[in-house]
Amino acid sequence: MGLETAPELRLHSVMLGVRDVDASVKFYTDKLGLTLRGRFGDFALLEANGFTITLSGQLLRAQPATGQLPVEIVLAVESVRDAYSRLRSKDITFLNEPHTIDGTNDGAHFEDPDGHLFSLFGRP
């Protein structure tokens, strides 16, 4: 019996369960500057430089009551300190100051209105 090759898989999007799709769309578009690409029912599709973040009220309701699974969405930026400063000016509260990750790159963390963890990653 020969080995079968795995299908080619490409990351399509990250889907996040949210309590209020309208409030989350406002956060992602107004504060993070993402582009709303589509909205239907309890779903919204946002673009971040060719990558899609899908917001879903339905996913949140379907999630088991055992709690939120840990997820961190890493956003690559040219300068963490510059991105940090710009996002703070839009009233985003960070969980920490920009700090070194690997001696070359920095990171800083914040959450969206539903507590999803995001990090900025890139040169200081």
N, C-alpha and C. Protein backbone atom coordinates (compact mmCIF):
# COMPACT_ATOMS: atom_id res chain seq x y z
N MET A 1 0.84 -1.17 0.00
CA MET A 1 0.00 0.00 0.00
C MET A 1 0.89 1.24 0.00
N GLY A 2 0.71 2.14 -0.96
CA GLY A 2 1.52 3.35 -1.07
C GLY A 2 1.06 4.43 -0.11
N LEU A 3 1.97 5.30 0.18
CA LEU A 3 1.63 6.43 1.04
C LEU A 3 0.85 7.46 0.23
N GLU A 4 -0.22 7.93 0.79
CA GLU A 4 -0.98 8.98 0.14
C GLU A 4 -0.44 10.32 0.61
N THR A 5 -0.37 11.26 -0.29
CA THR A 5 0.11 12.58 0.10
C THR A 5 -1.04 13.37 0.72
N ALA A 6 -0.70 14.22 1.63
CA ALA A 6 -1.71 15.06 2.28
C ALA A 6 -2.15 16.14 1.31
N PRO A 7 -3.39 16.59 1.45
CA PRO A 7 -3.84 17.68 0.58
C PRO A 7 -3.08 18.95 0.91
N GLU A 8 -2.96 19.83 -0.07
CA GLU A 8 -2.33 21.12 0.17
C GLU A 8 -3.28 21.97 0.98
N LEU A 9 -2.82 22.40 2.13
CA LEU A 9 -3.66 23.21 3.01
C LEU A 9 -3.10 24.62 3.08
N ARG A 10 -3.97 25.60 2.93
CA ARG A 10 -3.58 27.00 3.06
C ARG A 10 -4.47 27.63 4.11
N LEU A 11 -3.89 28.44 4.92
CA LEU A 11 -4.68 29.13 5.93
C LEU A 11 -5.63 30.09 5.24
N HIS A 12 -6.90 29.96 5.50
CA HIS A 12 -7.92 30.81 4.88
C HIS A 12 -8.26 31.99 5.76
N SER A 13 -8.57 31.71 7.02
CA SER A 13 -8.98 32.77 7.93
C SER A 13 -8.90 32.26 9.36
N VAL A 14 -9.07 33.17 10.27
CA VAL A 14 -9.26 32.84 11.68
C VAL A 14 -10.67 33.29 12.01
N MET A 15 -11.45 32.38 12.60
CA MET A 15 -12.81 32.72 12.98
C MET A 15 -12.85 32.89 14.50
N LEU A 16 -13.41 34.01 14.93
CA LEU A 16 -13.50 34.32 16.34
C LEU A 16 -14.97 34.40 16.75
N GLY A 17 -15.32 33.73 17.82
CA GLY A 17 -16.66 33.86 18.38
C GLY A 17 -16.75 35.18 19.13
N VAL A 18 -17.77 35.98 18.82
CA VAL A 18 -17.92 37.30 19.44
C VAL A 18 -19.33 37.45 20.01
N ARG A 19 -19.43 38.26 21.08
CA ARG A 19 -20.74 38.50 21.72
C ARG A 19 -21.61 39.44 20.88
N ASP A 20 -21.01 40.46 20.29
CA ASP A 20 -21.76 41.49 19.57
C ASP A 20 -21.00 41.79 18.27
N VAL A 21 -21.51 41.27 17.16
CA VAL A 21 -20.81 41.42 15.88
C VAL A 21 -20.65 42.90 15.52
N ASP A 22 -21.69 43.71 15.74
CA ASP A 22 -21.60 45.13 15.40
C ASP A 22 -20.48 45.83 16.18
N ALA A 23 -20.41 45.58 17.50
CA ALA A 23 -19.37 46.21 18.33
C ALA A 23 -17.98 45.74 17.90
N SER A 24 -17.87 44.46 17.56
CA SER A 24 -16.57 43.93 17.14
C SER A 24 -16.15 44.50 15.79
N VAL A 25 -17.09 44.62 14.86
CA VAL A 25 -16.77 45.21 13.55
C VAL A 25 -16.26 46.64 13.76
N LYS A 26 -16.91 47.38 14.63
CA LYS A 26 -16.49 48.76 14.91
C LYS A 26 -15.06 48.77 15.46
N PHE A 27 -14.74 47.88 16.40
CA PHE A 27 -13.39 47.79 16.96
C PHE A 27 -12.36 47.50 15.87
N TYR A 28 -12.62 46.48 15.06
CA TYR A 28 -11.65 46.06 14.06
C TYR A 28 -11.47 47.07 12.93
N THR A 29 -12.55 47.75 12.56
CA THR A 29 -12.43 48.73 11.47
C THR A 29 -11.95 50.08 11.98
N ASP A 30 -12.57 50.60 13.03
CA ASP A 30 -12.24 51.94 13.53
C ASP A 30 -10.90 51.99 14.26
N LYS A 31 -10.60 50.98 15.05
CA LYS A 31 -9.39 51.03 15.87
C LYS A 31 -8.20 50.35 15.22
N LEU A 32 -8.43 49.19 14.59
CA LEU A 32 -7.31 48.48 13.96
C LEU A 32 -7.15 48.81 12.49
N GLY A 33 -8.14 49.45 11.89
CA GLY A 33 -8.04 49.85 10.49
C GLY A 33 -8.24 48.75 9.48
N LEU A 34 -8.85 47.62 9.89
CA LEU A 34 -9.11 46.54 8.94
C LEU A 34 -10.29 46.92 8.05
N THR A 35 -10.41 46.25 6.93
CA THR A 35 -11.46 46.54 5.95
C THR A 35 -12.57 45.51 6.06
N LEU A 36 -13.81 45.98 6.20
CA LEU A 36 -14.96 45.08 6.21
C LEU A 36 -15.20 44.63 4.78
N ARG A 37 -15.10 43.32 4.54
CA ARG A 37 -15.28 42.77 3.19
C ARG A 37 -16.66 42.18 2.96
N GLY A 38 -17.36 41.88 4.04
CA GLY A 38 -18.69 41.31 3.88
C GLY A 38 -19.35 41.13 5.22
N ARG A 39 -20.67 41.19 5.20
CA ARG A 39 -21.44 41.01 6.41
C ARG A 39 -22.71 40.28 6.03
N PHE A 40 -22.98 39.15 6.67
CA PHE A 40 -24.22 38.43 6.43
C PHE A 40 -24.63 37.73 7.71
N GLY A 41 -25.88 37.92 8.08
CA GLY A 41 -26.37 37.31 9.31
C GLY A 41 -25.50 37.67 10.49
N ASP A 42 -25.04 36.65 11.18
CA ASP A 42 -24.25 36.80 12.39
C ASP A 42 -22.75 36.67 12.10
N PHE A 43 -22.34 36.98 10.87
CA PHE A 43 -20.94 36.87 10.46
C PHE A 43 -20.46 38.18 9.84
N ALA A 44 -19.18 38.47 10.02
CA ALA A 44 -18.55 39.61 9.34
C ALA A 44 -17.16 39.15 8.92
N LEU A 45 -16.77 39.52 7.71
CA LEU A 45 -15.46 39.17 7.16
C LEU A 45 -14.62 40.43 7.06
N LEU A 46 -13.45 40.39 7.70
CA LEU A 46 -12.55 41.54 7.72
C LEU A 46 -11.24 41.15 7.07
N GLU A 47 -10.65 42.09 6.33
CA GLU A 47 -9.37 41.82 5.68
C GLU A 47 -8.25 42.56 6.38
N ALA A 48 -7.16 41.83 6.58
CA ALA A 48 -5.94 42.40 7.15
C ALA A 48 -4.79 42.05 6.22
N ASN A 49 -4.55 42.90 5.22
CA ASN A 49 -3.46 42.68 4.26
C ASN A 49 -3.49 41.31 3.61
N GLY A 50 -4.63 40.93 3.08
CA GLY A 50 -4.75 39.66 2.38
C GLY A 50 -5.14 38.49 3.26
N PHE A 51 -5.28 38.71 4.54
CA PHE A 51 -5.69 37.65 5.46
C PHE A 51 -7.07 37.99 5.98
N THR A 52 -7.91 36.98 6.20
CA THR A 52 -9.28 37.21 6.63
C THR A 52 -9.47 36.82 8.10
N ILE A 53 -10.09 37.72 8.84
CA ILE A 53 -10.57 37.43 10.19
C ILE A 53 -12.09 37.41 10.10
N THR A 54 -12.69 36.29 10.47
CA THR A 54 -14.14 36.15 10.45
C THR A 54 -14.67 36.28 11.86
N LEU A 55 -15.63 37.16 12.06
CA LEU A 55 -16.28 37.34 13.35
C LEU A 55 -17.61 36.62 13.31
N SER A 56 -17.89 35.83 14.34
CA SER A 56 -19.11 35.02 14.32
C SER A 56 -19.78 35.00 15.68
N GLY A 57 -21.01 35.50 15.73
CA GLY A 57 -21.82 35.36 16.93
C GLY A 57 -22.25 33.92 17.11
N GLN A 58 -22.47 33.24 16.01
CA GLN A 58 -22.91 31.84 16.03
C GLN A 58 -21.85 30.95 16.66
N LEU A 59 -20.59 31.17 16.34
CA LEU A 59 -19.51 30.36 16.89
C LEU A 59 -19.45 30.50 18.41
N LEU A 60 -19.63 31.70 18.92
CA LEU A 60 -19.60 31.91 20.36
C LEU A 60 -20.72 31.11 21.04
N ARG A 61 -21.90 31.13 20.44
CA ARG A 61 -23.03 30.39 21.03
C ARG A 61 -22.81 28.88 20.97
N ALA A 62 -22.06 28.41 19.98
CA ALA A 62 -21.83 26.96 19.82
C ALA A 62 -20.67 26.46 20.67
N GLN A 63 -19.89 27.36 21.24
CA GLN A 63 -18.71 26.98 22.00
C GLN A 63 -19.12 26.24 23.28
N PRO A 64 -18.43 25.17 23.60
CA PRO A 64 -18.76 24.45 24.83
C PRO A 64 -18.60 25.35 26.06
N ALA A 65 -19.34 25.06 27.09
CA ALA A 65 -19.33 25.86 28.31
C ALA A 65 -18.05 25.67 29.13
N THR A 66 -17.11 24.88 28.67
CA THR A 66 -15.89 24.61 29.42
C THR A 66 -14.93 25.78 29.41
N GLY A 67 -15.20 26.80 28.63
CA GLY A 67 -14.34 27.98 28.62
C GLY A 67 -13.70 28.21 27.28
N GLN A 68 -13.06 29.34 27.16
CA GLN A 68 -12.44 29.75 25.90
C GLN A 68 -11.12 29.03 25.71
N LEU A 69 -10.92 28.50 24.53
CA LEU A 69 -9.64 27.89 24.19
C LEU A 69 -8.64 29.00 23.92
N PRO A 70 -7.39 28.81 24.32
CA PRO A 70 -6.42 29.87 24.10
C PRO A 70 -6.10 30.05 22.62
N VAL A 71 -6.19 31.28 22.19
CA VAL A 71 -5.86 31.65 20.81
C VAL A 71 -5.15 32.99 20.88
N GLU A 72 -4.09 33.12 20.12
CA GLU A 72 -3.40 34.40 20.00
C GLU A 72 -3.22 34.68 18.52
N ILE A 73 -3.63 35.83 18.10
CA ILE A 73 -3.45 36.23 16.72
C ILE A 73 -2.26 37.18 16.68
N VAL A 74 -1.25 36.80 15.94
CA VAL A 74 -0.02 37.58 15.86
C VAL A 74 -0.08 38.46 14.62
N LEU A 75 0.08 39.77 14.83
CA LEU A 75 0.06 40.74 13.74
C LEU A 75 1.48 41.22 13.47
N ALA A 76 1.99 40.96 12.30
CA ALA A 76 3.33 41.41 11.93
C ALA A 76 3.28 42.90 11.61
N VAL A 77 4.22 43.65 12.17
CA VAL A 77 4.30 45.09 11.92
C VAL A 77 5.74 45.47 11.63
N GLU A 78 5.93 46.59 10.95
CA GLU A 78 7.28 47.07 10.66
C GLU A 78 8.00 47.50 11.93
N SER A 79 7.29 48.20 12.81
CA SER A 79 7.86 48.70 14.06
C SER A 79 6.83 48.52 15.17
N VAL A 80 7.15 47.68 16.14
CA VAL A 80 6.22 47.43 17.24
C VAL A 80 5.95 48.71 18.01
N ARG A 81 6.98 49.48 18.29
CA ARG A 81 6.79 50.69 19.10
C ARG A 81 5.94 51.72 18.37
N ASP A 82 6.10 51.84 17.06
CA ASP A 82 5.28 52.76 16.29
C ASP A 82 3.82 52.29 16.27
N ALA A 83 3.60 51.00 15.99
CA ALA A 83 2.24 50.45 15.97
C ALA A 83 1.59 50.57 17.34
N TYR A 84 2.35 50.31 18.39
CA TYR A 84 1.88 50.43 19.76
C TYR A 84 1.40 51.86 20.03
N SER A 85 2.20 52.83 19.66
CA SER A 85 1.86 54.23 19.87
C SER A 85 0.59 54.61 19.11
N ARG A 86 0.51 54.20 17.85
CA ARG A 86 -0.66 54.55 17.04
C ARG A 86 -1.94 53.91 17.57
N LEU A 87 -1.84 52.65 17.99
CA LEU A 87 -3.03 51.97 18.49
C LEU A 87 -3.45 52.51 19.86
N ARG A 88 -2.50 52.88 20.69
CA ARG A 88 -2.85 53.50 21.97
C ARG A 88 -3.58 54.82 21.76
N SER A 89 -3.22 55.54 20.69
CA SER A 89 -3.90 56.80 20.41
C SER A 89 -5.36 56.57 19.98
N LYS A 90 -5.69 55.31 19.65
CA LYS A 90 -7.06 54.96 19.31
C LYS A 90 -7.76 54.28 20.49
N ASP A 91 -7.21 54.50 21.68
CA ASP A 91 -7.78 54.00 22.93
C ASP A 91 -7.73 52.48 23.07
N ILE A 92 -6.77 51.84 22.44
CA ILE A 92 -6.55 50.42 22.68
C ILE A 92 -5.66 50.30 23.91
N THR A 93 -6.09 49.49 24.85
CA THR A 93 -5.34 49.26 26.07
C THR A 93 -4.48 48.01 25.90
N PHE A 94 -3.20 48.16 26.11
CA PHE A 94 -2.28 47.04 25.98
C PHE A 94 -2.09 46.34 27.32
N LEU A 95 -1.81 45.05 27.27
CA LEU A 95 -1.57 44.26 28.46
C LEU A 95 -0.14 44.41 28.95
N ASN A 96 0.75 44.87 28.05
CA ASN A 96 2.15 45.08 28.42
C ASN A 96 2.77 46.10 27.48
N GLU A 97 3.90 46.62 27.88
CA GLU A 97 4.68 47.54 27.05
C GLU A 97 5.41 46.72 25.98
N PRO A 98 5.81 47.35 24.88
CA PRO A 98 6.65 46.63 23.92
C PRO A 98 7.89 46.09 24.64
N HIS A 99 8.23 44.85 24.34
CA HIS A 99 9.37 44.20 24.98
C HIS A 99 10.04 43.25 23.99
N THR A 100 11.29 42.94 24.24
CA THR A 100 12.03 42.07 23.33
C THR A 100 11.53 40.64 23.44
N ILE A 101 11.43 40.00 22.29
CA ILE A 101 10.99 38.61 22.22
C ILE A 101 12.19 37.68 22.02
N ASP A 102 13.01 38.03 21.05
CA ASP A 102 14.12 37.13 20.70
C ASP A 102 15.45 37.86 20.51
N GLY A 103 15.54 39.07 21.03
CA GLY A 103 16.76 39.85 20.86
C GLY A 103 16.77 40.67 19.58
N THR A 104 15.91 40.33 18.63
CA THR A 104 15.81 41.05 17.37
C THR A 104 14.44 41.69 17.21
N ASN A 105 13.42 40.99 17.65
CA ASN A 105 12.03 41.44 17.48
C ASN A 105 11.39 41.74 18.82
N ASP A 106 10.45 42.68 18.78
CA ASP A 106 9.68 43.05 19.96
C ASP A 106 8.26 42.51 19.85
N GLY A 107 7.56 42.59 20.95
CA GLY A 107 6.15 42.21 20.97
C GLY A 107 5.41 43.04 21.99
N ALA A 108 4.09 43.13 21.83
CA ALA A 108 3.19 43.79 22.78
C ALA A 108 1.81 43.17 22.58
N HIS A 109 1.04 43.03 23.66
CA HIS A 109 -0.23 42.32 23.61
C HIS A 109 -1.41 43.22 23.97
N PHE A 110 -2.55 42.95 23.31
CA PHE A 110 -3.81 43.60 23.64
C PHE A 110 -4.94 42.64 23.36
N GLU A 111 -6.13 42.98 23.83
CA GLU A 111 -7.31 42.14 23.60
C GLU A 111 -8.38 42.93 22.85
N ASP A 112 -9.21 42.20 22.11
CA ASP A 112 -10.37 42.82 21.48
C ASP A 112 -11.51 42.87 22.51
N PRO A 113 -12.68 43.40 22.14
CA PRO A 113 -13.76 43.52 23.12
C PRO A 113 -14.23 42.20 23.72
N ASP A 114 -13.96 41.07 23.06
CA ASP A 114 -14.38 39.77 23.57
C ASP A 114 -13.27 39.02 24.28
N GLY A 115 -12.11 39.66 24.45
CA GLY A 115 -11.01 39.03 25.18
C GLY A 115 -10.10 38.17 24.32
N HIS A 116 -10.24 38.23 22.99
CA HIS A 116 -9.30 37.51 22.12
C HIS A 116 -7.94 38.18 22.22
N LEU A 117 -6.90 37.38 22.38
CA LEU A 117 -5.56 37.90 22.57
C LEU A 117 -4.87 38.16 21.23
N PHE A 118 -4.31 39.36 21.09
CA PHE A 118 -3.55 39.76 19.91
C PHE A 118 -2.15 40.15 20.35
N SER A 119 -1.19 39.96 19.46
CA SER A 119 0.15 40.48 19.73
C SER A 119 0.67 41.18 18.49
N LEU A 120 1.42 42.23 18.72
CA LEU A 120 2.18 42.88 17.66
C LEU A 120 3.55 42.23 17.68
N PHE A 121 4.13 41.98 16.51
CA PHE A 121 5.43 41.33 16.44
C PHE A 121 6.22 41.94 15.30
N GLY A 122 7.45 42.32 15.57
CA GLY A 122 8.31 42.87 14.53
C GLY A 122 9.49 43.60 15.15
N ARG A 123 10.18 44.36 14.32
CA ARG A 123 11.33 45.13 14.79
C ARG A 123 10.86 46.15 15.82
N PRO A 124 11.77 46.51 16.72
CA PRO A 124 11.38 47.49 17.74
C PRO A 124 10.87 48.78 17.10
